[in-house]
Amino acid sequence: MQVFNEIKKHRGFIARVGFFSAVLLLFLVGLSGLLKPKEFMDTAYPSTSTMLGFYKLPEDTLDVLFLGSSHAINGFDTQKLYNDLGIRSYVLGTSEQNVAISYFLLKEALKTQKPQAVVLETLMVFPFRGDKILHSSASSSEKVLNFMKPGLNKYRAIFEVSKYDDELDPVEMALPFLRYHERWDDLEEDDLLLWSDFASMGLHGFNVKYGDLPEDEKTDYESFDEDDPSNETGISPVITEYLDRIVRTCEENGIKLFFVKTPSNKTDQDEYNAMTEYAEKKKIKYLDFNEKDLYEAIRFEFEDDMGNIGHANLTGAGKITDMVGAELLDSGVIPGGQHKEWDDTRELYEDVKANFLISTTDSWDEYYSYLDEDRYTVFMLSDETGEKIAYVNNCGEKILNKTGDVISGRIPGSTARYRVVNNEEERSIMINGKERAEEKGIVNIAVYDSVTRDLFDVSHLDDSGKIIHD
């Protein structure tokens, strides 16, 4: 009774302390959101957009969940899967996503979704960074855990992942303002985008790798023959534990599980055999598109279907997705069919496909004709006629400069700033402080899309009149 009397006596003070604590907590949450490094859809592997976009999905709408590293992000075309087959999917992929993170993302996804199937891209089952127990960098784990919603699953993930990586401090990961308090001087306008629609914009986790294989990355890639029985690699005990957890979680929830390895320069026969052995033991379908029969079955062409030696481009992702989609249907996955969430991204997908055409053509006439869209800002430097010309078409506002003066400004609807100049002393296309005219061709070009807020192509015209994508 005495205790209750004391509480009643000091209830005003207790209320003020409670109010102050609540305000302080909200301030620290907001501060953490501002200070955390971000990767939106205009970056190669946009973990921020991926996580925030997933949390915006309507509940119980997913048919298929994809998990894995950047190979999953670039390799599984969610919109094609929906447009062609009516399968609603999401790639909850992040750069260097280790298998432990994949497990915790699966658990996170099952809070709001009931997918019929889960597809795990298996690159990170094997050593990627040789000195790391989980095979991935500390920063790659931070990028995804920073934007996982607070809760027991997140804090368990932080604890377990940091246990295997001494670069990660679990307290700082749980309280990001402690880790990133020195980012004040590095904050940019993009940091404020966290609370805008752009922060979660994208193609349900799929991100296009533009271009085809650069000349300096063309290799003697060869798919391998599944009949080679060698197996000296094995799967480490720690990785096996998390694979087992993924398998068990899928079994407990009646989810079909698939393992997939997308084409890449990483075509280790031993790893294929080790993964095959594990998959057979667990009775799981495993597709390795580096295996010769499967590689040829989808008519994959390494030089044309890869954006770089590790990642499939749009055409490559389409070939992989067609085969995976067929396997999903054969396994009994029932397409959820039409839904506004995936209908609304059809137009964005068409824009991205148009950008891909620009990034792959080597014909000047084709290239120039593709640029006639108001969403593009086109930067061009030319010495082709003997004059030094700087040209900017800023979403329809055209500026042609032959005097050698600087053209500068801001791209509409974005935070990107530019500075363009072409004279005897300087030849430069500077966008957000980064030089984009390093290759000195007859004509230098950079193209920015105001829809995706992405500088998706930088190229130059060589002496033969061919477009070279830098």
Protein backbone atom coordinates (compact mmCIF):
# COMPACT_ATOMS: atom_id res chain seq x y z
CA MET A 1 0.00 0.00 0.00
CA GLN A 2 2.89 2.35 0.86
CA VAL A 3 4.38 1.80 -2.60
CA PHE A 4 1.11 2.71 -4.30
CA ASN A 5 0.82 5.83 -2.18
CA GLU A 6 4.33 6.90 -3.17
CA ILE A 7 3.57 6.32 -6.85
CA LYS A 8 0.37 8.32 -6.53
CA LYS A 9 2.25 11.08 -4.72
CA HIS A 10 4.85 11.36 -7.50
CA ARG A 11 2.68 10.51 -10.48
CA GLY A 12 3.30 13.91 -12.08
CA PHE A 13 7.07 13.38 -11.98
CA ILE A 14 6.73 9.80 -13.27
CA ALA A 15 4.54 11.00 -16.14
CA ARG A 16 7.13 13.65 -17.09
CA VAL A 17 9.94 11.06 -17.01
CA GLY A 18 7.87 8.71 -19.15
CA PHE A 19 7.08 11.47 -21.65
CA PHE A 20 10.73 12.56 -21.83
CA SER A 21 11.84 8.95 -22.32
CA ALA A 22 9.35 8.43 -25.14
CA VAL A 23 10.46 11.63 -26.89
CA LEU A 24 14.12 10.67 -26.46
CA LEU A 25 13.45 7.21 -27.91
CA LEU A 26 11.65 8.66 -30.94
CA PHE A 27 14.52 11.13 -31.43
CA LEU A 28 17.13 8.36 -31.33
CA VAL A 29 15.13 6.21 -33.77
CA GLY A 30 14.88 9.15 -36.17
CA LEU A 31 18.56 9.97 -35.69
CA SER A 32 19.52 6.39 -36.44
CA GLY A 33 17.42 6.46 -39.61
CA LEU A 34 19.15 9.64 -40.75
CA LEU A 35 22.69 8.51 -39.99
CA LYS A 36 22.57 4.94 -41.33
CA PRO A 37 24.28 4.55 -44.74
CA LYS A 38 21.70 3.92 -47.45
CA GLU A 39 21.55 2.10 -50.78
CA PHE A 40 18.55 3.04 -52.87
CA MET A 41 17.41 1.68 -56.24
CA ASP A 42 19.96 3.80 -58.12
CA THR A 43 22.77 1.64 -56.77
CA ALA A 44 23.86 -1.79 -58.02
CA TYR A 45 22.54 -3.80 -55.07
CA PRO A 46 20.05 -1.55 -53.26
CA SER A 47 19.62 -3.17 -49.85
CA THR A 48 17.76 -0.18 -48.39
CA SER A 49 15.13 -0.15 -51.15
CA THR A 50 14.92 -3.94 -51.00
CA MET A 51 14.17 -4.09 -47.28
CA LEU A 52 11.80 -1.12 -47.20
CA GLY A 53 9.99 -2.35 -50.31
CA PHE A 54 9.47 -5.78 -48.79
CA TYR A 55 7.87 -4.33 -45.68
CA LYS A 56 5.40 -2.44 -47.91
CA LEU A 57 4.12 -5.62 -49.55
CA PRO A 58 0.48 -6.38 -48.74
CA GLU A 59 0.30 -9.38 -46.40
CA ASP A 60 -0.03 -12.90 -47.81
CA THR A 61 0.55 -11.86 -51.43
CA LEU A 62 3.80 -13.70 -52.23
CA ASP A 63 3.90 -16.96 -54.15
CA VAL A 64 7.70 -17.21 -54.23
CA LEU A 65 10.50 -15.71 -52.14
CA PHE A 66 14.03 -15.48 -53.55
CA LEU A 67 17.00 -15.19 -51.18
CA GLY A 68 20.70 -14.68 -51.78
CA SER A 69 23.45 -12.31 -52.78
CA SER A 70 23.81 -9.90 -55.71
CA HIS A 71 23.66 -12.96 -58.00
CA ALA A 72 20.04 -13.36 -56.87
CA ILE A 73 19.32 -9.64 -57.21
CA ASN A 74 20.49 -9.62 -60.84
CA GLY A 75 19.48 -13.18 -61.70
CA PHE A 76 15.76 -13.52 -60.88
CA ASP A 77 13.44 -11.28 -62.91
CA THR A 78 10.37 -10.87 -60.71
CA GLN A 79 8.40 -8.81 -63.22
CA LYS A 80 8.95 -11.30 -66.05
CA LEU A 81 7.84 -14.09 -63.75
CA TYR A 82 4.63 -12.16 -63.06
CA ASN A 83 4.01 -10.93 -66.62
CA ASP A 84 4.53 -14.37 -68.17
CA LEU A 85 3.22 -16.76 -65.52
CA GLY A 86 1.26 -14.72 -62.99
CA ILE A 87 3.69 -15.73 -60.21
CA ARG A 88 4.09 -13.02 -57.56
CA SER A 89 7.63 -13.01 -56.24
CA TYR A 90 10.15 -10.90 -54.39
CA VAL A 91 13.95 -11.05 -54.31
CA LEU A 92 14.89 -10.39 -50.69
CA GLY A 93 18.52 -10.32 -51.78
CA THR A 94 21.40 -8.19 -50.56
CA SER A 95 25.05 -7.81 -51.51
CA GLU A 96 27.14 -10.76 -50.23
CA GLN A 97 24.15 -12.10 -48.32
CA ASN A 98 25.57 -14.92 -46.21
CA VAL A 99 23.48 -18.00 -45.44
CA ALA A 100 22.89 -16.92 -41.83
CA ILE A 101 21.37 -13.64 -43.04
CA SER A 102 19.30 -15.60 -45.58
CA TYR A 103 17.90 -17.70 -42.73
CA PHE A 104 16.94 -14.68 -40.63
CA LEU A 105 15.41 -12.94 -43.66
CA LEU A 106 13.32 -16.05 -44.26
CA LYS A 107 12.10 -15.89 -40.67
CA GLU A 108 11.38 -12.18 -41.10
CA ALA A 109 9.43 -12.78 -44.31
CA LEU A 110 7.25 -15.44 -42.71
CA LYS A 111 5.90 -12.87 -40.26
CA THR A 112 3.79 -11.35 -43.05
CA GLN A 113 3.99 -13.72 -46.03
CA LYS A 114 3.14 -17.35 -46.76
CA PRO A 115 5.14 -18.19 -49.90
CA GLN A 116 4.56 -21.54 -51.57
CA ALA A 117 8.23 -21.76 -52.53
CA VAL A 118 11.61 -20.33 -51.49
CA VAL A 119 14.57 -20.19 -53.90
CA LEU A 120 18.05 -19.79 -52.39
CA GLU A 121 20.88 -18.69 -54.68
CA THR A 122 23.87 -20.72 -53.45
CA LEU A 123 26.93 -18.57 -54.24
CA MET A 124 27.53 -17.73 -50.57
CA VAL A 125 27.37 -21.34 -49.38
CA PHE A 126 31.06 -21.52 -50.30
CA PRO A 127 34.00 -19.22 -49.47
CA PHE A 128 33.67 -15.81 -51.07
CA ARG A 129 35.88 -13.94 -48.66
CA GLY A 130 38.34 -16.57 -47.48
CA ASP A 131 39.02 -15.07 -44.06
CA LYS A 132 35.34 -14.89 -43.08
CA ILE A 133 33.51 -17.72 -41.32
CA LEU A 134 30.22 -16.65 -42.94
CA HIS A 135 32.03 -15.86 -46.21
CA SER A 136 30.85 -12.25 -46.41
CA SER A 137 32.08 -8.81 -45.33
CA ALA A 138 30.91 -7.12 -42.14
CA SER A 139 29.57 -4.17 -44.13
CA SER A 140 27.32 -6.41 -46.23
CA SER A 141 25.68 -7.75 -43.06
CA GLU A 142 25.24 -4.24 -41.67
CA LYS A 143 23.53 -3.00 -44.83
CA VAL A 144 20.69 -5.46 -44.45
CA LEU A 145 20.43 -5.62 -40.65
CA ASN A 146 20.34 -1.81 -40.44
CA PHE A 147 16.97 -1.82 -42.17
CA MET A 148 15.39 -4.92 -40.69
CA LYS A 149 12.50 -3.95 -38.42
CA PRO A 150 13.22 -3.99 -34.68
CA GLY A 151 12.21 -7.22 -33.02
CA LEU A 152 13.45 -10.46 -31.54
CA ASN A 153 14.39 -11.86 -34.97
CA LYS A 154 16.57 -8.83 -35.78
CA TYR A 155 18.38 -8.84 -32.44
CA ARG A 156 18.93 -12.57 -32.61
CA ALA A 157 20.39 -12.10 -36.10
CA ILE A 158 22.68 -9.35 -34.84
CA PHE A 159 23.87 -11.52 -31.97
CA GLU A 160 24.54 -14.60 -34.08
CA VAL A 161 26.16 -12.87 -37.06
CA SER A 162 28.43 -10.73 -34.86
CA LYS A 163 29.47 -13.91 -33.02
CA TYR A 164 31.18 -15.05 -36.22
CA ASP A 165 32.61 -11.66 -37.23
CA ASP A 166 34.71 -9.64 -34.79
CA GLU A 167 34.34 -6.52 -36.99
CA LEU A 168 30.73 -6.29 -35.88
CA ASP A 169 29.75 -4.84 -32.51
CA PRO A 170 26.29 -6.13 -31.51
CA VAL A 171 25.56 -3.11 -29.30
CA GLU A 172 26.39 -0.63 -32.06
CA MET A 173 24.38 -2.65 -34.56
CA ALA A 174 21.38 -2.64 -32.25
CA LEU A 175 21.82 1.12 -31.63
CA PRO A 176 23.00 2.53 -35.00
CA PHE A 177 23.37 6.12 -33.79
CA LEU A 178 26.33 4.92 -31.69
CA ARG A 179 28.05 3.45 -34.76
CA TYR A 180 27.33 6.22 -37.25
CA HIS A 181 27.45 9.34 -35.08
CA GLU A 182 30.47 10.58 -37.06
CA ARG A 183 28.53 10.57 -40.35
CA TRP A 184 27.27 14.11 -39.77
CA ASP A 185 29.84 15.57 -42.16
CA ASP A 186 29.01 12.98 -44.83
CA LEU A 187 25.24 13.41 -44.86
CA GLU A 188 23.74 14.23 -48.25
CA GLU A 189 20.29 15.06 -49.57
CA ASP A 190 19.78 11.40 -50.40
CA ASP A 191 19.85 10.60 -46.67
CA LEU A 192 16.55 12.45 -46.34
CA LEU A 193 14.95 10.21 -48.97
CA LEU A 194 14.53 7.45 -46.40
CA TRP A 195 11.00 8.66 -45.70
CA SER A 196 10.01 9.15 -49.36
CA ASP A 197 8.35 6.73 -51.79
CA PHE A 198 11.60 6.56 -53.78
CA ALA A 199 13.31 4.83 -50.85
CA SER A 200 11.30 1.65 -51.45
CA MET A 201 10.78 1.97 -55.20
CA GLY A 202 11.92 -0.91 -57.38
CA LEU A 203 11.04 -4.14 -59.17
CA HIS A 204 10.34 -6.29 -56.11
CA GLY A 205 14.01 -6.79 -55.33
CA PHE A 206 15.15 -7.46 -58.91
CA ASN A 207 17.79 -5.02 -60.14
CA VAL A 208 18.96 -4.95 -63.74
CA LYS A 209 22.65 -5.29 -64.51
CA TYR A 210 22.99 -3.03 -67.54
CA GLY A 211 25.19 -3.75 -70.55
CA ASP A 212 26.81 -6.95 -71.75
CA LEU A 213 30.25 -8.32 -70.96
CA PRO A 214 32.91 -5.58 -71.30
CA GLU A 215 35.76 -6.31 -73.68
CA ASP A 216 38.30 -6.49 -70.85
CA GLU A 217 36.18 -9.08 -68.97
CA LYS A 218 35.64 -11.52 -71.82
CA THR A 219 37.16 -14.75 -70.63
CA ASP A 220 37.48 -18.36 -71.65
CA TYR A 221 34.41 -19.23 -69.59
CA GLU A 222 33.29 -22.83 -69.95
CA SER A 223 30.38 -24.60 -68.33
CA PHE A 224 31.34 -27.85 -66.64
CA ASP A 225 30.24 -31.46 -67.02
CA GLU A 226 28.17 -32.90 -64.17
CA ASP A 227 29.82 -36.31 -64.63
CA ASP A 228 33.07 -35.24 -62.94
CA PRO A 229 32.77 -36.90 -59.48
CA SER A 230 35.47 -34.87 -57.68
CA ASN A 231 34.46 -33.33 -54.36
CA GLU A 232 37.20 -31.93 -52.18
CA THR A 233 35.47 -28.75 -51.05
CA GLY A 234 32.62 -29.63 -48.73
CA ILE A 235 30.33 -27.26 -46.86
CA SER A 236 31.58 -25.88 -43.55
CA PRO A 237 29.80 -26.90 -40.31
CA VAL A 238 28.61 -23.33 -39.61
CA ILE A 239 27.13 -22.90 -43.09
CA THR A 240 25.61 -26.39 -42.91
CA GLU A 241 23.89 -25.43 -39.65
CA TYR A 242 22.18 -22.43 -41.29
CA LEU A 243 21.28 -24.42 -44.40
CA ASP A 244 19.71 -27.00 -42.13
CA ARG A 245 17.73 -24.25 -40.39
CA ILE A 246 16.44 -22.97 -43.75
CA VAL A 247 15.46 -26.50 -44.78
CA ARG A 248 13.73 -27.14 -41.45
CA THR A 249 11.86 -23.81 -41.50
CA CYS A 250 10.56 -24.50 -45.00
CA GLU A 251 9.47 -28.02 -44.01
CA GLU A 252 7.66 -26.74 -40.92
CA ASN A 253 5.77 -24.20 -43.03
CA GLY A 254 4.96 -26.46 -45.97
CA ILE A 255 7.21 -24.48 -48.32
CA LYS A 256 8.93 -25.99 -51.36
CA LEU A 257 12.66 -25.18 -51.29
CA PHE A 258 14.92 -24.87 -54.31
CA PHE A 259 18.66 -24.27 -54.57
CA VAL A 260 19.87 -22.36 -57.63
CA LYS A 261 23.32 -21.25 -58.78
CA THR A 262 23.23 -18.58 -61.49
CA PRO A 263 25.88 -18.46 -64.24
CA SER A 264 29.10 -16.68 -63.30
CA ASN A 265 32.86 -16.94 -63.58
CA LYS A 266 32.69 -18.89 -60.31
CA THR A 267 32.13 -22.37 -61.71
CA ASP A 268 33.89 -24.63 -59.25
CA GLN A 269 33.18 -28.30 -59.97
CA ASP A 270 33.87 -29.33 -56.36
CA GLU A 271 31.35 -26.80 -55.05
CA TYR A 272 28.75 -28.09 -57.50
CA ASN A 273 29.29 -31.65 -56.31
CA ALA A 274 29.18 -30.67 -52.63
CA MET A 275 25.93 -28.75 -53.16
CA THR A 276 24.48 -31.62 -55.17
CA GLU A 277 25.32 -34.06 -52.37
CA TYR A 278 23.65 -31.86 -49.76
CA ALA A 279 20.57 -31.26 -51.94
CA GLU A 280 20.13 -34.97 -52.67
CA LYS A 281 20.43 -35.80 -48.97
CA LYS A 282 17.70 -33.26 -48.15
CA LYS A 283 15.62 -34.16 -51.25
CA ILE A 284 15.78 -30.60 -52.60
CA LYS A 285 15.81 -29.61 -56.28
CA TYR A 286 19.17 -28.02 -57.21
CA LEU A 287 19.75 -26.15 -60.47
CA ASP A 288 23.29 -25.02 -61.27
CA PHE A 289 23.23 -23.06 -64.50
CA ASN A 290 26.99 -23.43 -64.85
CA GLU A 291 26.50 -27.17 -65.44
CA LYS A 292 26.83 -27.80 -69.18
CA ASP A 293 23.49 -29.45 -69.94
CA LEU A 294 21.49 -26.85 -68.03
CA TYR A 295 23.59 -23.95 -69.36
CA GLU A 296 22.92 -25.11 -72.91
CA ALA A 297 19.27 -25.90 -72.22
CA ILE A 298 18.53 -22.21 -71.55
CA ARG A 299 20.75 -21.15 -74.48
CA PHE A 300 22.86 -18.97 -72.27
CA GLU A 301 25.60 -16.94 -74.01
CA PHE A 302 28.17 -15.73 -71.49
CA GLU A 303 29.39 -12.72 -73.48
CA ASP A 304 25.89 -11.45 -74.31
CA ASP A 305 23.92 -12.47 -71.22
CA MET A 306 26.29 -11.24 -68.51
CA GLY A 307 26.63 -7.65 -67.29
CA ASN A 308 30.03 -8.55 -65.88
CA ILE A 309 31.82 -11.84 -65.24
CA GLY A 310 29.86 -12.42 -62.03
CA HIS A 311 26.33 -11.19 -62.73
CA ALA A 312 23.67 -11.84 -65.35
CA ASN A 313 22.24 -8.89 -67.26
CA LEU A 314 18.58 -8.46 -68.26
CA THR A 315 18.61 -11.03 -71.07
CA GLY A 316 20.53 -13.50 -68.91
CA ALA A 317 18.12 -13.04 -66.01
CA GLY A 318 15.24 -13.67 -68.40
CA LYS A 319 16.68 -17.03 -69.48
CA ILE A 320 17.33 -18.09 -65.89
CA THR A 321 13.86 -16.95 -64.79
CA ASP A 322 12.10 -18.84 -67.59
CA MET A 323 13.64 -22.13 -66.45
CA VAL A 324 13.08 -21.43 -62.74
CA GLY A 325 9.48 -20.46 -63.46
CA ALA A 326 8.88 -23.74 -65.29
CA GLU A 327 10.37 -25.67 -62.35
CA LEU A 328 8.14 -23.79 -59.91
CA LEU A 329 5.02 -24.67 -61.89
CA ASP A 330 6.13 -28.30 -62.22
CA SER A 331 6.58 -28.47 -58.43
CA GLY A 332 2.96 -27.47 -57.88
CA VAL A 333 3.28 -23.73 -57.23
CA ILE A 334 -0.07 -22.14 -58.07
CA PRO A 335 0.29 -18.61 -59.51
CA GLY A 336 -1.51 -16.00 -57.45
CA GLY A 337 -2.36 -14.10 -60.63
CA GLN A 338 -3.22 -10.47 -61.12
CA HIS A 339 -2.46 -8.07 -58.27
CA LYS A 340 -2.11 -4.30 -58.20
CA GLU A 341 1.26 -4.53 -56.42
CA TRP A 342 2.87 -6.17 -59.49
CA ASP A 343 0.64 -4.44 -62.07
CA ASP A 344 1.88 -1.08 -60.82
CA THR A 345 5.50 -1.92 -61.70
CA ARG A 346 4.84 -2.89 -65.33
CA GLU A 347 5.58 0.62 -66.59
CA LEU A 348 8.80 0.89 -64.57
CA TYR A 349 9.87 -2.47 -65.99
CA GLU A 350 9.34 -1.21 -69.56
CA ASP A 351 11.44 1.87 -68.75
CA VAL A 352 14.22 -0.33 -67.40
CA LYS A 353 14.08 -2.55 -70.50
CA ALA A 354 14.44 0.55 -72.69
CA ASN A 355 17.45 1.63 -70.62
CA PHE A 356 18.97 -1.81 -71.13
CA LEU A 357 18.70 -1.44 -74.91
CA ILE A 358 20.58 1.84 -74.66
CA SER A 359 23.27 0.19 -72.55
CA THR A 360 23.90 -2.60 -75.06
CA THR A 361 23.63 -1.12 -78.56
CA ASP A 362 26.84 -0.24 -80.38
CA SER A 363 25.06 1.59 -83.23
CA TRP A 364 25.18 5.38 -82.98
CA ASP A 365 21.93 5.82 -84.94
CA GLU A 366 20.05 3.39 -82.69
CA TYR A 367 21.61 4.82 -79.56
CA TYR A 368 20.69 8.41 -80.43
CA SER A 369 17.12 7.48 -81.41
CA TYR A 370 16.56 5.78 -78.03
CA LEU A 371 17.42 8.98 -76.15
CA ASP A 372 14.37 10.90 -77.36
CA GLU A 373 12.52 10.61 -74.04
CA ASP A 374 11.84 13.46 -71.63
CA ARG A 375 12.79 11.33 -68.63
CA TYR A 376 16.43 11.30 -69.78
CA THR A 377 19.07 13.89 -69.10
CA VAL A 378 21.75 13.43 -71.76
CA PHE A 379 25.25 14.85 -71.38
CA MET A 380 27.46 14.96 -74.46
CA LEU A 381 30.92 16.26 -75.37
CA SER A 382 31.94 16.28 -79.02
CA ASP A 383 35.02 17.13 -81.08
CA GLU A 384 33.61 15.33 -84.12
CA THR A 385 33.35 18.39 -86.41
CA GLY A 386 36.52 20.06 -85.22
CA GLU A 387 34.54 22.22 -82.79
CA LYS A 388 34.55 21.62 -79.06
CA ILE A 389 30.88 21.24 -78.20
CA ALA A 390 29.20 20.62 -74.86
CA TYR A 391 25.54 19.57 -74.97
CA VAL A 392 23.00 18.91 -72.26
CA ASN A 393 19.41 17.80 -72.85
CA ASN A 394 17.97 18.13 -69.36
CA CYS A 395 14.64 16.29 -69.54
CA GLY A 396 13.67 18.24 -72.68
CA GLU A 397 15.48 21.50 -71.87
CA LYS A 398 18.34 21.61 -74.40
CA ILE A 399 21.56 23.53 -73.91
CA LEU A 400 24.19 23.64 -76.66
CA ASN A 401 27.47 25.35 -75.84
CA LYS A 402 30.28 26.04 -78.33
CA THR A 403 32.03 28.77 -76.36
CA GLY A 404 33.83 26.50 -73.90
CA ASP A 405 31.91 27.88 -70.92
CA VAL A 406 30.77 25.67 -68.05
CA ILE A 407 27.21 24.32 -68.07
CA SER A 408 26.01 23.42 -64.60
CA GLY A 409 22.79 22.72 -62.80
CA ARG A 410 20.58 20.13 -61.22
CA ILE A 411 18.69 17.25 -62.80
CA PRO A 412 14.93 17.76 -62.33
CA GLY A 413 13.29 15.55 -59.74
CA SER A 414 16.57 14.38 -58.28
CA THR A 415 19.37 15.42 -55.96
CA ALA A 416 21.99 14.98 -58.71
CA ARG A 417 24.06 18.00 -59.74
CA TYR A 418 26.14 18.27 -62.88
CA ARG A 419 28.98 20.32 -64.36
CA VAL A 420 29.84 19.99 -68.06
CA VAL A 421 32.64 21.74 -69.97
CA ASN A 422 34.57 21.21 -73.20
CA ASN A 423 37.40 23.58 -74.08
CA GLU A 424 41.15 23.54 -74.67
CA GLU A 425 41.91 23.28 -70.96
CA GLU A 426 39.19 20.90 -69.76
CA ARG A 427 36.90 18.16 -71.07
CA SER A 428 34.57 16.97 -68.33
CA ILE A 429 31.16 15.54 -67.48
CA MET A 430 31.00 15.76 -63.70
CA ILE A 431 27.90 14.32 -61.99
CA ASN A 432 27.66 14.50 -58.21
CA GLY A 433 31.38 15.18 -58.05
CA LYS A 434 32.41 12.12 -60.10
CA GLU A 435 34.05 12.35 -63.51
CA ARG A 436 32.12 10.53 -66.25
CA ALA A 437 34.21 11.41 -69.33
CA GLU A 438 37.36 9.52 -68.49
CA GLU A 439 37.49 7.70 -71.85
CA LYS A 440 38.43 10.28 -74.46
CA GLY A 441 36.44 9.33 -77.55
CA ILE A 442 35.26 11.50 -80.43
CA VAL A 443 32.04 11.88 -78.47
CA ASN A 444 31.53 11.25 -74.75
CA ILE A 445 28.02 10.50 -73.48
CA ALA A 446 26.37 10.00 -70.10
CA VAL A 447 22.64 9.27 -69.69
CA TYR A 448 20.63 9.78 -66.50
CA ASP A 449 17.07 8.49 -66.01
CA SER A 450 14.96 10.74 -63.81
CA VAL A 451 12.47 7.88 -63.18
CA THR A 452 14.99 5.46 -61.70
CA ARG A 453 17.30 8.32 -60.62
CA ASP A 454 20.10 6.35 -62.14
CA LEU A 455 23.09 7.24 -64.30
CA PHE A 456 22.66 3.98 -66.18
CA ASP A 457 24.99 4.48 -69.14
CA VAL A 458 28.37 6.12 -69.69
CA SER A 459 29.88 5.59 -73.12
CA HIS A 460 31.98 7.07 -75.92
CA LEU A 461 32.11 6.99 -79.70
CA ASP A 462 35.35 5.51 -81.00
CA ASP A 463 37.20 6.33 -84.24
CA SER A 464 35.18 3.74 -86.19
CA GLY A 465 31.85 5.28 -85.16
CA LYS A 466 31.00 2.49 -82.73
CA ILE A 467 29.47 3.09 -79.31
CA ILE A 468 31.71 1.73 -76.53
CA HIS A 469 30.03 1.41 -73.12
CA ASP A 470 32.53 2.33 -70.41
